[in-house]
Amino acid sequence: MIPPKRNRKTSREYDRDGDKDRHLIENFFAKLKQYRAIATRYDKLAETFLSAIDMAASVIWLI
C-alpha cells in the first residue's frame, strides 16, 4: 500500500482509495487505544470487553 516513488523507472499500481480507508481504520484504532481499559484489557469476559469497545467507539464517534 506504500505509494511508489516518482522517479521509479517502472511504475507500480497504487490503490489510493484503499490507502485512504486503511488510514481511517488505523486512526480509529489509535484513538481506541487511548482508553486505558481497552488497551490493557481489564475485562476478563469477552462480552464485557466488547461492550467497553462499543462504548468507547460511540464516544469517539460523537466527538
Protein backbone atom coordinates (compact mmCIF):
# COMPACT_ATOMS: atom_id res chain seq x y z
CA MET A 1 0.00 0.00 0.00
CA ILE A 2 3.02 2.30 0.03
CA PRO A 3 2.94 4.61 -2.99
CA PRO A 4 5.85 4.26 -5.40
CA LYS A 5 8.47 6.99 -5.79
CA ARG A 6 8.04 9.39 -8.66
CA ASN A 7 11.49 8.71 -10.12
CA ARG A 8 10.95 4.94 -10.36
CA LYS A 9 11.64 3.57 -13.85
CA THR A 10 8.81 1.04 -13.83
CA SER A 11 5.71 2.32 -12.10
CA ARG A 12 3.65 0.16 -9.78
CA GLU A 13 -0.08 0.24 -9.26
CA TYR A 14 -1.26 2.12 -6.20
CA ASP A 15 -4.76 1.95 -4.76
CA ARG A 16 -5.35 5.45 -3.43
CA ASP A 17 -8.90 4.71 -2.19
CA GLY A 18 -7.75 1.59 -0.34
CA ASP A 19 -4.97 3.59 1.28
CA LYS A 20 -7.45 6.22 2.50
CA ASP A 21 -9.66 3.51 4.00
CA ARG A 22 -6.69 1.84 5.70
CA HIS A 23 -5.58 5.19 7.12
CA LEU A 24 -9.03 5.86 8.63
CA ILE A 25 -9.13 2.44 10.25
CA GLU A 26 -5.62 2.79 11.67
CA ASN A 27 -6.51 6.22 13.11
CA PHE A 28 -9.66 4.78 14.70
CA PHE A 29 -7.70 2.01 16.42
CA ALA A 30 -5.13 4.54 17.62
CA LYS A 31 -7.93 6.62 19.19
CA LEU A 32 -9.50 3.50 20.64
CA LYS A 33 -6.23 2.51 22.32
CA GLN A 34 -6.16 5.83 24.15
CA TYR A 35 -8.71 4.30 26.53
CA ARG A 36 -6.65 2.50 29.15
CA ALA A 37 -9.20 -0.21 29.94
CA ILE A 38 -9.28 -1.27 26.31
CA ALA A 39 -5.54 -1.07 25.71
CA THR A 40 -4.75 -3.28 28.72
CA ARG A 41 -7.95 -5.35 28.56
CA TYR A 42 -9.05 -5.23 32.18
CA ASP A 43 -12.24 -7.21 31.46
CA LYS A 44 -11.96 -10.97 31.62
CA LEU A 45 -15.17 -11.78 29.77
CA ALA A 46 -15.35 -11.21 26.04
CA GLU A 47 -18.88 -9.80 26.35
CA THR A 48 -17.88 -7.06 28.78
CA PHE A 49 -14.75 -6.25 26.77
CA LEU A 50 -16.86 -5.88 23.62
CA SER A 51 -19.30 -3.62 25.45
CA ALA A 52 -16.39 -1.42 26.58
CA ILE A 53 -15.20 -1.21 22.96
CA ASP A 54 -18.74 -0.28 21.89
CA MET A 55 -18.93 2.48 24.49
CA ALA A 56 -15.51 3.89 23.59
CA ALA A 57 -16.30 3.75 19.86
CA SER A 58 -19.56 5.63 20.42
CA VAL A 59 -17.73 8.32 22.41
CA ILE A 60 -15.13 8.63 19.62
CA TRP A 61 -17.91 8.83 17.03
CA LEU A 62 -19.69 11.60 18.96
CA ILE A 63 -16.54 13.71 19.33
